[in-house]
N, C-alpha and C. Protein backbone atom coordinates (compact mmCIF):
# COMPACT_ATOMS: atom_id res chain seq x y z
N MET A 1 0.85 -1.18 0.00
CA MET A 1 0.00 0.00 0.00
C MET A 1 0.89 1.24 0.00
N SER A 2 0.61 2.19 -0.85
CA SER A 2 1.38 3.42 -0.80
C SER A 2 0.78 4.30 0.29
N THR A 3 1.65 4.97 1.03
CA THR A 3 1.17 5.78 2.14
C THR A 3 0.76 7.16 1.63
N PRO A 4 -0.14 7.83 2.35
CA PRO A 4 -0.58 9.15 1.92
C PRO A 4 0.41 10.25 2.33
N TYR A 5 1.62 9.85 2.75
CA TYR A 5 2.63 10.81 3.21
C TYR A 5 3.90 10.70 2.37
N ASN A 6 3.76 10.75 1.07
CA ASN A 6 4.90 10.72 0.15
C ASN A 6 5.85 9.54 0.40
N GLY A 7 5.29 8.36 0.59
CA GLY A 7 6.09 7.16 0.75
C GLY A 7 6.68 6.95 2.13
N THR A 8 6.36 7.83 3.10
CA THR A 8 6.85 7.65 4.47
C THR A 8 5.65 7.42 5.38
N VAL A 9 5.93 7.22 6.66
CA VAL A 9 4.86 7.05 7.64
C VAL A 9 4.35 8.38 8.15
N GLY A 10 4.90 9.47 7.65
CA GLY A 10 4.50 10.79 8.14
C GLY A 10 5.28 11.15 9.39
N HIS A 11 5.26 12.42 9.72
CA HIS A 11 5.98 12.88 10.91
C HIS A 11 5.36 14.15 11.45
N SER A 12 5.72 14.47 12.69
CA SER A 12 5.13 15.63 13.35
C SER A 12 5.84 16.93 13.02
N GLY A 13 6.98 16.85 12.34
CA GLY A 13 7.72 18.06 11.99
C GLY A 13 9.06 18.20 12.70
N THR A 14 9.26 17.45 13.79
CA THR A 14 10.55 17.52 14.48
C THR A 14 11.57 16.68 13.73
N ASP A 15 12.84 16.97 13.97
CA ASP A 15 13.90 16.21 13.30
C ASP A 15 13.83 14.73 13.63
N THR A 16 13.63 14.39 14.91
CA THR A 16 13.60 12.97 15.28
C THR A 16 12.40 12.27 14.65
N SER A 17 11.26 12.95 14.60
CA SER A 17 10.07 12.36 13.98
C SER A 17 10.28 12.16 12.48
N ARG A 18 10.90 13.14 11.83
CA ARG A 18 11.16 13.04 10.39
C ARG A 18 12.13 11.89 10.11
N GLU A 19 13.20 11.78 10.91
CA GLU A 19 14.18 10.70 10.72
C GLU A 19 13.52 9.33 10.91
N ARG A 20 12.66 9.21 11.94
CA ARG A 20 11.96 7.94 12.20
C ARG A 20 11.07 7.60 11.01
N ALA A 21 10.39 8.59 10.46
CA ALA A 21 9.50 8.34 9.32
C ALA A 21 10.27 7.82 8.12
N GLU A 22 11.42 8.40 7.85
CA GLU A 22 12.23 7.95 6.72
C GLU A 22 12.80 6.55 6.96
N ARG A 23 13.22 6.29 8.19
CA ARG A 23 13.80 4.99 8.55
C ARG A 23 12.75 3.88 8.45
N LYS A 24 11.50 4.18 8.79
CA LYS A 24 10.46 3.17 8.86
C LYS A 24 9.76 2.92 7.53
N ALA A 25 10.09 3.68 6.50
CA ALA A 25 9.37 3.57 5.23
C ALA A 25 9.35 2.15 4.68
N GLY A 26 10.40 1.38 4.90
CA GLY A 26 10.47 0.02 4.38
C GLY A 26 9.62 -0.99 5.13
N HIS A 27 9.16 -0.65 6.33
CA HIS A 27 8.40 -1.59 7.16
C HIS A 27 6.91 -1.27 7.23
N ILE A 28 6.51 -0.17 6.67
CA ILE A 28 5.16 0.33 6.95
C ILE A 28 4.06 -0.62 6.49
N ASP A 29 4.21 -1.26 5.33
CA ASP A 29 3.14 -2.15 4.86
C ASP A 29 2.87 -3.28 5.84
N GLU A 30 3.93 -3.89 6.38
CA GLU A 30 3.75 -4.97 7.35
C GLU A 30 3.08 -4.45 8.61
N GLU A 31 3.49 -3.27 9.08
CA GLU A 31 2.92 -2.71 10.30
C GLU A 31 1.45 -2.36 10.11
N LEU A 32 1.10 -1.83 8.94
CA LEU A 32 -0.30 -1.50 8.67
C LEU A 32 -1.15 -2.76 8.66
N ASP A 33 -0.63 -3.82 8.05
CA ASP A 33 -1.36 -5.09 8.03
C ASP A 33 -1.57 -5.63 9.44
N VAL A 34 -0.56 -5.49 10.29
CA VAL A 34 -0.66 -5.96 11.67
C VAL A 34 -1.76 -5.18 12.40
N VAL A 35 -1.79 -3.86 12.23
CA VAL A 35 -2.80 -3.04 12.91
C VAL A 35 -4.20 -3.40 12.41
N VAL A 36 -4.37 -3.59 11.11
CA VAL A 36 -5.68 -4.00 10.58
C VAL A 36 -6.08 -5.34 11.18
N ASP A 37 -5.14 -6.25 11.30
CA ASP A 37 -5.43 -7.55 11.91
C ASP A 37 -5.85 -7.39 13.37
N PHE A 38 -5.12 -6.56 14.12
CA PHE A 38 -5.49 -6.29 15.52
C PHE A 38 -6.93 -5.76 15.59
N LEU A 39 -7.24 -4.78 14.71
CA LEU A 39 -8.56 -4.16 14.73
C LEU A 39 -9.66 -5.14 14.30
N THR A 40 -9.35 -5.98 13.35
CA THR A 40 -10.32 -6.98 12.91
C THR A 40 -10.66 -7.91 14.07
N ARG A 41 -9.63 -8.35 14.79
CA ARG A 41 -9.86 -9.24 15.92
C ARG A 41 -10.56 -8.54 17.07
N ALA A 42 -10.38 -7.22 17.21
CA ALA A 42 -11.03 -6.47 18.29
C ALA A 42 -12.53 -6.29 18.03
N GLY A 43 -12.94 -6.42 16.78
CA GLY A 43 -14.36 -6.31 16.45
C GLY A 43 -14.93 -4.93 16.73
N THR A 44 -16.16 -4.89 17.21
CA THR A 44 -16.83 -3.61 17.43
C THR A 44 -16.26 -2.86 18.63
N ARG A 45 -15.55 -3.54 19.50
CA ARG A 45 -14.92 -2.85 20.65
C ARG A 45 -13.85 -1.89 20.16
N GLY A 46 -13.12 -2.27 19.12
CA GLY A 46 -12.08 -1.41 18.57
C GLY A 46 -10.88 -1.30 19.50
N LEU A 47 -9.93 -0.48 19.08
CA LEU A 47 -8.70 -0.28 19.85
C LEU A 47 -8.34 1.20 19.87
N THR A 48 -7.61 1.59 20.90
CA THR A 48 -7.02 2.92 20.99
C THR A 48 -5.53 2.78 20.70
N VAL A 49 -4.83 3.87 20.58
CA VAL A 49 -3.39 3.79 20.35
C VAL A 49 -2.72 3.02 21.49
N THR A 50 -3.20 3.19 22.72
CA THR A 50 -2.63 2.49 23.87
C THR A 50 -2.85 0.99 23.77
N THR A 51 -4.04 0.57 23.35
CA THR A 51 -4.29 -0.86 23.26
C THR A 51 -3.59 -1.49 22.06
N VAL A 52 -3.34 -0.71 21.01
CA VAL A 52 -2.52 -1.21 19.90
C VAL A 52 -1.10 -1.45 20.41
N LYS A 53 -0.56 -0.49 21.17
CA LYS A 53 0.80 -0.66 21.71
C LYS A 53 0.87 -1.88 22.62
N ARG A 54 -0.13 -2.06 23.46
CA ARG A 54 -0.15 -3.19 24.39
C ARG A 54 -0.23 -4.51 23.63
N ALA A 55 -1.07 -4.57 22.60
CA ALA A 55 -1.19 -5.79 21.79
C ALA A 55 0.13 -6.12 21.11
N ALA A 56 0.85 -5.09 20.70
CA ALA A 56 2.11 -5.29 19.99
C ALA A 56 3.18 -5.90 20.88
N LEU A 57 3.12 -5.65 22.17
CA LEU A 57 4.15 -6.16 23.09
C LEU A 57 4.16 -7.68 23.17
N THR A 58 3.08 -8.32 22.79
CA THR A 58 3.01 -9.78 22.91
C THR A 58 3.34 -10.48 21.60
N GLY A 59 3.74 -9.72 20.57
CA GLY A 59 3.89 -10.31 19.25
C GLY A 59 5.32 -10.49 18.78
N ASP A 60 5.44 -10.71 17.47
CA ASP A 60 6.73 -10.91 16.83
C ASP A 60 7.37 -9.56 16.50
N ASP A 61 8.48 -9.58 15.75
CA ASP A 61 9.21 -8.34 15.45
C ASP A 61 8.36 -7.30 14.73
N ASN A 62 7.54 -7.73 13.75
CA ASN A 62 6.68 -6.77 13.05
C ASN A 62 5.73 -6.09 14.03
N GLN A 63 5.24 -6.85 15.00
CA GLN A 63 4.32 -6.29 15.98
C GLN A 63 5.05 -5.45 17.02
N LEU A 64 6.23 -5.88 17.43
CA LEU A 64 6.95 -5.16 18.48
C LEU A 64 7.27 -3.72 18.08
N ARG A 65 7.50 -3.47 16.81
CA ARG A 65 7.78 -2.10 16.37
C ARG A 65 6.61 -1.18 16.69
N LEU A 66 5.40 -1.73 16.72
CA LEU A 66 4.21 -0.95 17.01
C LEU A 66 4.07 -0.59 18.48
N ALA A 67 4.92 -1.13 19.34
CA ALA A 67 4.84 -0.81 20.76
C ALA A 67 5.31 0.62 21.04
N HIS A 68 5.98 1.26 20.10
CA HIS A 68 6.40 2.66 20.24
C HIS A 68 5.20 3.54 19.91
N HIS A 69 4.92 4.53 20.74
CA HIS A 69 3.73 5.37 20.54
C HIS A 69 3.71 6.02 19.16
N GLY A 70 4.84 6.56 18.73
CA GLY A 70 4.90 7.23 17.44
C GLY A 70 4.59 6.29 16.29
N THR A 71 5.05 5.06 16.39
CA THR A 71 4.81 4.07 15.33
C THR A 71 3.34 3.66 15.30
N ALA A 72 2.79 3.37 16.47
CA ALA A 72 1.38 2.97 16.55
C ALA A 72 0.48 4.11 16.09
N SER A 73 0.76 5.32 16.53
CA SER A 73 -0.04 6.48 16.16
C SER A 73 0.05 6.75 14.66
N ALA A 74 1.25 6.65 14.10
CA ALA A 74 1.42 6.86 12.66
C ALA A 74 0.65 5.84 11.86
N ALA A 75 0.71 4.58 12.28
CA ALA A 75 -0.01 3.52 11.55
C ALA A 75 -1.51 3.78 11.58
N LEU A 76 -2.04 4.16 12.75
CA LEU A 76 -3.46 4.45 12.85
C LEU A 76 -3.84 5.65 11.97
N SER A 77 -3.00 6.68 11.96
CA SER A 77 -3.28 7.87 11.14
C SER A 77 -3.27 7.53 9.65
N ILE A 78 -2.29 6.75 9.22
CA ILE A 78 -2.21 6.37 7.81
C ILE A 78 -3.44 5.57 7.40
N LEU A 79 -3.81 4.60 8.24
CA LEU A 79 -4.97 3.77 7.93
C LEU A 79 -6.26 4.59 7.94
N HIS A 80 -6.36 5.54 8.88
CA HIS A 80 -7.54 6.40 8.95
C HIS A 80 -7.61 7.31 7.73
N LYS A 81 -6.49 7.93 7.39
CA LYS A 81 -6.47 8.84 6.25
C LYS A 81 -6.81 8.10 4.95
N SER A 82 -6.34 6.87 4.83
CA SER A 82 -6.58 6.11 3.60
C SER A 82 -7.96 5.46 3.56
N GLY A 83 -8.71 5.52 4.68
CA GLY A 83 -10.05 4.95 4.71
C GLY A 83 -10.12 3.47 5.03
N ARG A 84 -8.99 2.87 5.37
CA ARG A 84 -9.00 1.44 5.70
C ARG A 84 -9.58 1.18 7.08
N ILE A 85 -9.55 2.20 7.96
CA ILE A 85 -10.16 2.09 9.29
C ILE A 85 -10.93 3.38 9.56
N ALA A 86 -11.75 3.33 10.61
CA ALA A 86 -12.53 4.50 11.00
C ALA A 86 -12.18 4.89 12.44
N ARG A 87 -12.22 6.19 12.71
CA ARG A 87 -12.02 6.69 14.08
C ARG A 87 -13.38 7.14 14.58
N LEU A 88 -13.84 6.50 15.64
CA LEU A 88 -15.14 6.82 16.22
C LEU A 88 -15.07 8.16 16.96
N THR A 89 -16.23 8.80 17.14
CA THR A 89 -16.25 10.04 17.91
C THR A 89 -16.18 9.73 19.40
N GLU A 90 -16.61 8.54 19.79
CA GLU A 90 -16.51 8.16 21.21
C GLU A 90 -15.05 7.87 21.55
N ARG A 91 -14.74 8.00 22.83
CA ARG A 91 -13.37 7.77 23.30
C ARG A 91 -13.38 6.76 24.44
N ARG A 92 -12.23 6.17 24.64
CA ARG A 92 -12.02 5.27 25.77
C ARG A 92 -10.78 5.75 26.50
N ASN A 93 -10.93 6.01 27.79
CA ASN A 93 -9.81 6.51 28.61
C ASN A 93 -9.13 7.72 27.95
N GLY A 94 -9.94 8.59 27.38
CA GLY A 94 -9.43 9.82 26.78
C GLY A 94 -8.79 9.66 25.41
N ALA A 95 -8.85 8.46 24.83
CA ALA A 95 -8.20 8.22 23.54
C ALA A 95 -9.25 7.84 22.50
N HIS A 96 -8.97 8.21 21.25
CA HIS A 96 -9.86 7.85 20.16
C HIS A 96 -9.92 6.33 20.00
N ILE A 97 -11.09 5.84 19.59
CA ILE A 97 -11.28 4.42 19.33
C ILE A 97 -11.31 4.23 17.82
N TYR A 98 -10.54 3.26 17.34
CA TYR A 98 -10.47 2.93 15.92
C TYR A 98 -11.09 1.55 15.70
N VAL A 99 -11.81 1.40 14.58
CA VAL A 99 -12.41 0.13 14.20
C VAL A 99 -12.26 -0.04 12.69
N THR A 100 -12.45 -1.27 12.24
CA THR A 100 -12.53 -1.49 10.80
C THR A 100 -13.90 -1.01 10.34
N PRO A 101 -14.05 -0.63 9.07
CA PRO A 101 -15.34 -0.09 8.61
C PRO A 101 -16.54 -1.00 8.88
N GLU A 102 -16.36 -2.30 8.79
CA GLU A 102 -17.49 -3.20 9.03
C GLU A 102 -17.88 -3.27 10.50
N ASN A 103 -17.05 -2.69 11.38
CA ASN A 103 -17.34 -2.70 12.82
C ASN A 103 -17.77 -1.34 13.36
N ILE A 104 -18.11 -0.41 12.49
CA ILE A 104 -18.60 0.90 12.95
C ILE A 104 -19.91 0.71 13.72
N ASP A 105 -20.74 -0.19 13.27
CA ASP A 105 -21.95 -0.59 13.99
C ASP A 105 -22.89 0.59 14.25
N GLY A 106 -23.05 1.48 13.26
CA GLY A 106 -23.99 2.59 13.38
C GLY A 106 -23.52 3.75 14.23
N ARG A 107 -22.31 3.70 14.73
CA ARG A 107 -21.80 4.78 15.60
C ARG A 107 -21.24 5.92 14.77
N ASP A 108 -21.17 7.10 15.38
CA ASP A 108 -20.60 8.26 14.70
C ASP A 108 -19.09 8.10 14.59
N PHE A 109 -18.55 8.54 13.44
CA PHE A 109 -17.11 8.48 13.23
C PHE A 109 -16.66 9.80 12.62
N GLU A 110 -15.33 10.02 12.68
CA GLU A 110 -14.75 11.29 12.23
C GLU A 110 -14.02 11.12 10.91
N ARG A 111 -14.20 12.10 10.05
CA ARG A 111 -13.42 12.17 8.82
C ARG A 111 -12.00 12.58 9.18
N PHE A 112 -11.02 12.09 8.45
CA PHE A 112 -9.63 12.46 8.71
C PHE A 112 -9.42 13.93 8.35
N ILE A 113 -8.83 14.67 9.26
CA ILE A 113 -8.44 16.06 8.99
C ILE A 113 -6.98 16.19 9.42
N GLY A 114 -6.12 16.49 8.46
CA GLY A 114 -4.69 16.59 8.74
C GLY A 114 -4.31 17.86 9.49
N ASN A 115 -3.08 17.90 9.97
CA ASN A 115 -2.60 19.03 10.77
C ASN A 115 -2.63 20.35 10.01
N ARG A 116 -2.34 20.31 8.72
CA ARG A 116 -2.35 21.54 7.92
C ARG A 116 -3.76 22.14 7.87
N VAL A 117 -4.75 21.29 7.64
CA VAL A 117 -6.13 21.76 7.59
C VAL A 117 -6.58 22.23 8.98
N LYS A 118 -6.17 21.50 10.03
CA LYS A 118 -6.50 21.92 11.39
C LYS A 118 -5.95 23.32 11.67
N ALA A 119 -4.73 23.59 11.22
CA ALA A 119 -4.13 24.92 11.41
C ALA A 119 -4.90 25.98 10.63
N GLN A 120 -5.34 25.65 9.42
CA GLN A 120 -6.13 26.59 8.63
C GLN A 120 -7.46 26.88 9.31
N ILE A 121 -8.08 25.86 9.85
CA ILE A 121 -9.36 26.04 10.55
C ILE A 121 -9.16 26.91 11.79
N ALA A 122 -8.07 26.68 12.53
CA ALA A 122 -7.80 27.48 13.72
C ALA A 122 -7.60 28.95 13.35
N ALA A 123 -6.88 29.21 12.26
CA ALA A 123 -6.67 30.59 11.82
C ALA A 123 -7.99 31.24 11.41
N LEU A 124 -8.83 30.48 10.71
CA LEU A 124 -10.15 31.01 10.32
C LEU A 124 -11.03 31.24 11.55
N ASP A 125 -10.90 30.38 12.55
CA ASP A 125 -11.65 30.56 13.80
C ASP A 125 -11.28 31.88 14.47
N GLU A 126 -9.97 32.18 14.50
CA GLU A 126 -9.52 33.45 15.09
C GLU A 126 -10.07 34.63 14.31
N THR A 127 -10.03 34.54 12.99
CA THR A 127 -10.56 35.61 12.14
C THR A 127 -12.05 35.78 12.39
N LEU A 128 -12.77 34.68 12.50
CA LEU A 128 -14.20 34.72 12.74
C LEU A 128 -14.51 35.38 14.09
N ALA A 129 -13.75 35.04 15.12
CA ALA A 129 -13.95 35.64 16.44
C ALA A 129 -13.72 37.16 16.38
N GLU A 130 -12.69 37.56 15.66
CA GLU A 130 -12.41 38.99 15.52
C GLU A 130 -13.53 39.69 14.75
N LEU A 131 -14.03 39.08 13.69
CA LEU A 131 -15.13 39.67 12.93
C LEU A 131 -16.39 39.80 13.79
N LYS A 132 -16.67 38.79 14.58
CA LYS A 132 -17.84 38.86 15.47
C LYS A 132 -17.70 40.00 16.46
N ARG A 133 -16.49 40.18 16.99
CA ARG A 133 -16.24 41.29 17.93
C ARG A 133 -16.46 42.62 17.23
N LEU A 134 -15.93 42.76 16.02
CA LEU A 134 -16.05 44.01 15.27
C LEU A 134 -17.50 44.30 14.88
N ILE A 135 -18.24 43.26 14.52
CA ILE A 135 -19.65 43.45 14.14
C ILE A 135 -20.43 44.03 15.32
N GLY A 136 -20.16 43.50 16.49
CA GLY A 136 -20.88 43.96 17.69
C GLY A 136 -20.55 45.38 18.09
N SER A 137 -19.37 45.86 17.72
CA SER A 137 -18.96 47.19 18.17
C SER A 137 -18.92 48.22 17.05
N SER A 138 -19.36 47.88 15.87
CA SER A 138 -19.24 48.81 14.74
C SER A 138 -20.55 49.56 14.49
N ALA A 139 -20.41 50.61 13.71
CA ALA A 139 -21.58 51.40 13.31
C ALA A 139 -22.41 50.58 12.32
N PRO A 140 -23.73 50.82 12.29
CA PRO A 140 -24.60 50.06 11.37
C PRO A 140 -24.13 50.07 9.93
N VAL A 141 -23.59 51.17 9.47
CA VAL A 141 -23.16 51.25 8.08
C VAL A 141 -21.99 50.30 7.78
N ASP A 142 -21.17 50.00 8.78
CA ASP A 142 -20.02 49.11 8.59
C ASP A 142 -20.37 47.64 8.79
N ARG A 143 -21.48 47.36 9.44
CA ARG A 143 -21.84 45.98 9.78
C ARG A 143 -22.04 45.10 8.55
N LEU A 144 -22.63 45.64 7.50
CA LEU A 144 -22.90 44.83 6.31
C LEU A 144 -21.62 44.25 5.73
N GLY A 145 -20.59 45.07 5.57
CA GLY A 145 -19.31 44.59 5.05
C GLY A 145 -18.68 43.55 5.96
N LEU A 146 -18.76 43.80 7.27
CA LEU A 146 -18.21 42.84 8.22
C LEU A 146 -19.00 41.53 8.21
N MET A 147 -20.29 41.61 8.03
CA MET A 147 -21.11 40.40 7.97
C MET A 147 -20.82 39.61 6.69
N LEU A 148 -20.57 40.31 5.59
CA LEU A 148 -20.18 39.62 4.35
C LEU A 148 -18.84 38.92 4.53
N ALA A 149 -17.91 39.59 5.21
CA ALA A 149 -16.60 38.97 5.48
C ALA A 149 -16.77 37.75 6.37
N ARG A 150 -17.63 37.86 7.38
CA ARG A 150 -17.91 36.73 8.28
C ARG A 150 -18.46 35.54 7.48
N ASP A 151 -19.40 35.81 6.59
CA ASP A 151 -20.00 34.74 5.78
C ASP A 151 -18.95 34.08 4.87
N ALA A 152 -18.01 34.88 4.36
CA ALA A 152 -16.95 34.33 3.51
C ALA A 152 -16.04 33.41 4.33
N VAL A 153 -15.72 33.80 5.56
CA VAL A 153 -14.88 32.97 6.43
C VAL A 153 -15.62 31.68 6.77
N LEU A 154 -16.92 31.78 7.08
CA LEU A 154 -17.70 30.57 7.37
C LEU A 154 -17.74 29.63 6.17
N ALA A 155 -17.86 30.18 4.98
CA ALA A 155 -17.85 29.35 3.76
C ALA A 155 -16.51 28.64 3.59
N GLN A 156 -15.41 29.34 3.87
CA GLN A 156 -14.09 28.71 3.79
C GLN A 156 -13.97 27.57 4.78
N MET A 157 -14.47 27.78 5.99
CA MET A 157 -14.40 26.73 7.01
C MET A 157 -15.21 25.51 6.58
N GLN A 158 -16.40 25.74 6.04
CA GLN A 158 -17.23 24.62 5.58
C GLN A 158 -16.53 23.86 4.45
N GLU A 159 -15.89 24.57 3.57
CA GLU A 159 -15.18 23.93 2.46
C GLU A 159 -14.04 23.04 2.98
N LEU A 160 -13.32 23.52 4.00
CA LEU A 160 -12.20 22.75 4.55
C LEU A 160 -12.66 21.48 5.26
N THR A 161 -13.86 21.51 5.81
CA THR A 161 -14.31 20.37 6.60
C THR A 161 -15.23 19.43 5.83
N LYS A 162 -15.36 19.61 4.52
CA LYS A 162 -16.18 18.69 3.71
C LYS A 162 -15.53 17.34 3.62
C-alpha cells in the first residue's frame, strides 16, 4: 500500500520524527497489516493507540515495532487517512477508538483532517472571532461589510471540513 505521506509514515515536523518516518518507510506495509489484523480481531470494541501498543508487546518483530507510541499512532493515522479504518467520535480513557469499517456498527465516526487543515481552521476561527467582535462594536453602516466577510470565512471553514 502506498502511504498518503509521500512514501513515508508521516511525521510531526521535528527532526527525530522526520528521521523515524524515513527509517520506517520500508516496514510500513507490514505494520499496517498488523494493525488492521489487531482491529479486525477487536471487532466492534475497537482499539485505541494504547491498546494497539499493548497488543504489539506480545507479538513478533513486526508487531513489536508498534509498541512505540509514534509508530502505533502513525499507523493508525495512515490507515484512517486512507479509509481502511474509522475513528469513532466516542473515546475510551481519553483516547480515540479505531475500528474497521465493518465494525462501525452505526456509531458516529470522524473524517480524517490533517494538521495543515486543522491549522487553517484554527486561523479562520480566530478571524471569525475577531469579525464577530467588530460586528458587535461597529456602526450600522459598517456591519454589512463585516457580515459579508464573516460569511466568507464561514464558507471557507465549511469547504475545509467537507
